[in-house]
Amino acid sequence: MYRKVLVAHRSYLSGVQRALGDSYVKEEFRRHRRADAKFVGPFLEEWDKYVSFLSRGATLLQSHELQQALSPQQSKQLQQLKQAISKTVN
């Protein structure tokens, strides 16, 4: 799954988005390397949904559908990612 996500980033994201996304994915997979078996299935399922989302050609940071589906914690992470991208681009 890790490779699948990185390939999707290479295919669908711009340079800055890809760099930030790749580092985020690396950290998430590292953190969940020793996760309980009960968490592995849902973790991989969510990453598979993410890859499907990217492959549909949706713009990750501007998708209203995605933002509506996010938990408050995920919304906060998305805002932090947007700020990091803005700082990098400017």
N, C-alpha and C. Protein backbone atom coordinates (compact mmCIF):
# COMPACT_ATOMS: atom_id res chain seq x y z
N MET A 1 0.83 -1.19 0.00
CA MET A 1 0.00 0.00 0.00
C MET A 1 0.88 1.26 0.00
N TYR A 2 1.95 1.21 0.75
CA TYR A 2 2.86 2.36 0.82
C TYR A 2 3.33 2.75 -0.58
N ARG A 3 3.79 1.78 -1.34
CA ARG A 3 4.24 2.04 -2.71
C ARG A 3 3.10 2.56 -3.58
N LYS A 4 1.95 1.99 -3.40
CA LYS A 4 0.79 2.41 -4.19
C LYS A 4 0.48 3.89 -3.96
N VAL A 5 0.57 4.33 -2.72
CA VAL A 5 0.32 5.74 -2.39
C VAL A 5 1.40 6.62 -3.02
N LEU A 6 2.66 6.22 -2.92
CA LEU A 6 3.74 7.01 -3.50
C LEU A 6 3.63 7.10 -5.02
N VAL A 7 3.23 6.02 -5.66
CA VAL A 7 3.01 6.03 -7.11
C VAL A 7 1.87 6.99 -7.46
N ALA A 8 0.81 6.96 -6.67
CA ALA A 8 -0.32 7.87 -6.90
C ALA A 8 0.13 9.32 -6.75
N HIS A 9 0.94 9.60 -5.76
CA HIS A 9 1.47 10.96 -5.58
C HIS A 9 2.27 11.38 -6.81
N ARG A 10 3.11 10.48 -7.29
CA ARG A 10 3.93 10.78 -8.47
C ARG A 10 3.05 11.06 -9.68
N SER A 11 1.93 10.37 -9.78
CA SER A 11 1.05 10.49 -10.93
C SER A 11 0.12 11.70 -10.87
N TYR A 12 -0.34 12.05 -9.68
CA TYR A 12 -1.44 13.01 -9.58
C TYR A 12 -1.13 14.32 -8.85
N LEU A 13 -0.01 14.42 -8.16
CA LEU A 13 0.27 15.63 -7.40
C LEU A 13 1.40 16.44 -8.02
N SER A 14 1.35 17.75 -7.80
CA SER A 14 2.43 18.62 -8.25
C SER A 14 3.65 18.41 -7.36
N GLY A 15 4.76 19.02 -7.70
CA GLY A 15 6.01 18.84 -6.96
C GLY A 15 5.92 19.14 -5.49
N VAL A 16 5.38 20.30 -5.14
CA VAL A 16 5.29 20.70 -3.73
C VAL A 16 4.31 19.79 -2.99
N GLN A 17 3.16 19.53 -3.59
CA GLN A 17 2.18 18.65 -2.96
C GLN A 17 2.76 17.26 -2.78
N ARG A 18 3.47 16.79 -3.78
CA ARG A 18 4.06 15.46 -3.71
C ARG A 18 5.08 15.36 -2.59
N ALA A 19 5.94 16.35 -2.48
CA ALA A 19 6.97 16.33 -1.43
C ALA A 19 6.33 16.30 -0.04
N LEU A 20 5.35 17.15 0.17
CA LEU A 20 4.68 17.17 1.48
C LEU A 20 3.90 15.88 1.72
N GLY A 21 3.21 15.42 0.68
CA GLY A 21 2.43 14.19 0.80
C GLY A 21 3.31 12.98 1.07
N ASP A 22 4.42 12.89 0.36
CA ASP A 22 5.32 11.75 0.56
C ASP A 22 5.87 11.71 1.97
N SER A 23 6.26 12.87 2.50
CA SER A 23 6.80 12.88 3.86
C SER A 23 5.71 12.54 4.88
N TYR A 24 4.48 13.01 4.63
CA TYR A 24 3.37 12.68 5.53
C TYR A 24 3.08 11.18 5.52
N VAL A 25 3.04 10.60 4.32
CA VAL A 25 2.76 9.18 4.18
C VAL A 25 3.85 8.36 4.86
N LYS A 26 5.08 8.74 4.66
CA LYS A 26 6.20 8.03 5.28
C LYS A 26 6.05 8.02 6.79
N GLU A 27 5.74 9.17 7.35
CA GLU A 27 5.59 9.27 8.80
C GLU A 27 4.39 8.46 9.31
N GLU A 28 3.27 8.52 8.60
CA GLU A 28 2.08 7.77 9.02
C GLU A 28 2.34 6.26 9.00
N PHE A 29 2.97 5.77 7.94
CA PHE A 29 3.25 4.34 7.87
C PHE A 29 4.28 3.93 8.93
N ARG A 30 5.23 4.81 9.21
CA ARG A 30 6.21 4.52 10.25
C ARG A 30 5.51 4.43 11.61
N ARG A 31 4.61 5.37 11.89
CA ARG A 31 3.91 5.38 13.18
C ARG A 31 3.03 4.15 13.37
N HIS A 32 2.50 3.63 12.28
CA HIS A 32 1.57 2.50 12.37
C HIS A 32 2.23 1.15 12.08
N ARG A 33 3.53 1.14 12.00
CA ARG A 33 4.26 -0.09 11.68
C ARG A 33 3.97 -1.20 12.70
N ARG A 34 3.86 -0.84 13.94
CA ARG A 34 3.64 -1.85 14.99
C ARG A 34 2.23 -1.75 15.59
N ALA A 35 1.30 -1.30 14.79
CA ALA A 35 -0.08 -1.14 15.28
C ALA A 35 -0.73 -2.49 15.53
N ASP A 36 -1.70 -2.47 16.41
CA ASP A 36 -2.51 -3.65 16.69
C ASP A 36 -3.16 -4.14 15.40
N ALA A 37 -3.33 -5.43 15.28
CA ALA A 37 -3.91 -6.02 14.07
C ALA A 37 -5.30 -5.45 13.78
N LYS A 38 -6.05 -5.09 14.82
CA LYS A 38 -7.39 -4.57 14.61
C LYS A 38 -7.38 -3.20 13.92
N PHE A 39 -6.26 -2.50 13.95
CA PHE A 39 -6.17 -1.19 13.31
C PHE A 39 -5.59 -1.25 11.90
N VAL A 40 -4.91 -2.33 11.58
CA VAL A 40 -4.23 -2.42 10.28
C VAL A 40 -5.23 -2.42 9.12
N GLY A 41 -6.28 -3.21 9.23
CA GLY A 41 -7.28 -3.27 8.15
C GLY A 41 -7.89 -1.92 7.84
N PRO A 42 -8.46 -1.23 8.84
CA PRO A 42 -9.03 0.09 8.59
C PRO A 42 -7.99 1.11 8.11
N PHE A 43 -6.77 1.04 8.62
CA PHE A 43 -5.70 1.94 8.20
C PHE A 43 -5.43 1.78 6.71
N LEU A 44 -5.26 0.55 6.26
CA LEU A 44 -4.99 0.29 4.84
C LEU A 44 -6.20 0.63 3.97
N GLU A 45 -7.38 0.37 4.50
CA GLU A 45 -8.60 0.69 3.76
C GLU A 45 -8.72 2.19 3.49
N GLU A 46 -8.40 2.99 4.48
CA GLU A 46 -8.46 4.45 4.31
C GLU A 46 -7.42 4.93 3.31
N TRP A 47 -6.24 4.34 3.33
CA TRP A 47 -5.23 4.73 2.34
C TRP A 47 -5.65 4.30 0.94
N ASP A 48 -6.32 3.16 0.84
CA ASP A 48 -6.82 2.73 -0.47
C ASP A 48 -7.88 3.70 -0.99
N LYS A 49 -8.73 4.19 -0.11
CA LYS A 49 -9.73 5.20 -0.49
C LYS A 49 -9.04 6.48 -0.97
N TYR A 50 -7.98 6.85 -0.30
CA TYR A 50 -7.22 8.05 -0.65
C TYR A 50 -6.63 7.91 -2.06
N VAL A 51 -6.05 6.75 -2.35
CA VAL A 51 -5.49 6.51 -3.68
C VAL A 51 -6.60 6.56 -4.74
N SER A 52 -7.74 5.99 -4.43
CA SER A 52 -8.88 6.04 -5.36
C SER A 52 -9.32 7.48 -5.59
N PHE A 53 -9.35 8.25 -4.52
CA PHE A 53 -9.72 9.66 -4.61
C PHE A 53 -8.76 10.41 -5.54
N LEU A 54 -7.47 10.19 -5.36
CA LEU A 54 -6.49 10.85 -6.22
C LEU A 54 -6.65 10.42 -7.67
N SER A 55 -6.90 9.15 -7.87
CA SER A 55 -7.00 8.65 -9.24
C SER A 55 -8.23 9.19 -9.97
N ARG A 56 -9.23 9.62 -9.23
CA ARG A 56 -10.41 10.23 -9.87
C ARG A 56 -10.10 11.64 -10.36
N GLY A 57 -8.93 12.13 -10.03
CA GLY A 57 -8.51 13.43 -10.54
C GLY A 57 -9.02 14.60 -9.72
N ALA A 58 -9.53 14.35 -8.53
CA ALA A 58 -10.02 15.45 -7.70
C ALA A 58 -8.83 16.23 -7.15
N THR A 59 -8.99 17.51 -6.96
CA THR A 59 -7.96 18.33 -6.34
C THR A 59 -8.05 18.15 -4.84
N LEU A 60 -7.02 17.60 -4.27
CA LEU A 60 -7.03 17.20 -2.86
C LEU A 60 -7.42 18.31 -1.91
N LEU A 61 -6.82 19.46 -2.02
CA LEU A 61 -7.03 20.50 -1.02
C LEU A 61 -8.27 21.35 -1.27
N GLN A 62 -8.92 21.18 -2.42
CA GLN A 62 -10.07 22.01 -2.73
C GLN A 62 -11.37 21.22 -2.80
N SER A 63 -11.34 19.94 -2.51
CA SER A 63 -12.52 19.10 -2.64
C SER A 63 -13.50 19.34 -1.49
N HIS A 64 -14.66 19.87 -1.84
CA HIS A 64 -15.70 20.11 -0.83
C HIS A 64 -16.18 18.78 -0.24
N GLU A 65 -16.31 17.77 -1.08
CA GLU A 65 -16.75 16.45 -0.65
C GLU A 65 -15.80 15.88 0.41
N LEU A 66 -14.52 16.00 0.18
CA LEU A 66 -13.54 15.50 1.14
C LEU A 66 -13.60 16.27 2.44
N GLN A 67 -13.65 17.59 2.35
CA GLN A 67 -13.66 18.40 3.56
C GLN A 67 -14.89 18.13 4.42
N GLN A 68 -16.01 17.82 3.79
CA GLN A 68 -17.22 17.51 4.56
C GLN A 68 -17.10 16.18 5.30
N ALA A 69 -16.30 15.27 4.77
CA ALA A 69 -16.16 13.94 5.36
C ALA A 69 -15.11 13.88 6.46
N LEU A 70 -14.36 14.94 6.65
CA LEU A 70 -13.27 14.92 7.62
C LEU A 70 -13.75 15.09 9.06
N SER A 71 -13.04 14.42 9.96
CA SER A 71 -13.29 14.63 11.38
C SER A 71 -12.67 15.98 11.76
N PRO A 72 -13.01 16.52 12.93
CA PRO A 72 -12.38 17.79 13.36
C PRO A 72 -10.85 17.72 13.39
N GLN A 73 -10.30 16.59 13.84
CA GLN A 73 -8.85 16.44 13.88
C GLN A 73 -8.27 16.44 12.46
N GLN A 74 -8.93 15.76 11.53
CA GLN A 74 -8.46 15.72 10.16
C GLN A 74 -8.57 17.10 9.51
N SER A 75 -9.62 17.84 9.83
CA SER A 75 -9.77 19.20 9.30
C SER A 75 -8.62 20.08 9.77
N LYS A 76 -8.25 19.92 11.04
CA LYS A 76 -7.13 20.69 11.59
C LYS A 76 -5.84 20.33 10.86
N GLN A 77 -5.61 19.03 10.62
CA GLN A 77 -4.42 18.60 9.90
C GLN A 77 -4.41 19.15 8.48
N LEU A 78 -5.57 19.18 7.85
CA LEU A 78 -5.67 19.72 6.49
C LEU A 78 -5.32 21.20 6.48
N GLN A 79 -5.80 21.94 7.46
CA GLN A 79 -5.47 23.36 7.55
C GLN A 79 -3.97 23.56 7.74
N GLN A 80 -3.35 22.72 8.57
CA GLN A 80 -1.91 22.81 8.79
C GLN A 80 -1.15 22.50 7.51
N LEU A 81 -1.63 21.53 6.75
CA LEU A 81 -0.99 21.19 5.49
C LEU A 81 -1.12 22.33 4.48
N LYS A 82 -2.30 22.95 4.42
CA LYS A 82 -2.49 24.11 3.54
C LYS A 82 -1.53 25.24 3.90
N GLN A 83 -1.37 25.49 5.20
CA GLN A 83 -0.46 26.54 5.65
C GLN A 83 0.98 26.21 5.28
N ALA A 84 1.37 24.95 5.42
CA ALA A 84 2.73 24.54 5.08
C ALA A 84 2.97 24.71 3.58
N ILE A 85 1.98 24.39 2.77
CA ILE A 85 2.11 24.54 1.33
C ILE A 85 2.22 26.02 0.98
N SER A 86 1.41 26.84 1.60
CA SER A 86 1.46 28.28 1.33
C SER A 86 2.84 28.85 1.66
N LYS A 87 3.41 28.44 2.78
CA LYS A 87 4.73 28.91 3.19
C LYS A 87 5.80 28.45 2.20
N THR A 88 5.67 27.24 1.70
CA THR A 88 6.64 26.69 0.77
C THR A 88 6.56 27.38 -0.59
N VAL A 89 5.34 27.64 -1.04
CA VAL A 89 5.14 28.27 -2.35
C VAL A 89 5.54 29.73 -2.33
N ASN A 90 5.26 30.43 -1.24
CA ASN A 90 5.56 31.86 -1.15
C ASN A 90 6.94 32.09 -0.76
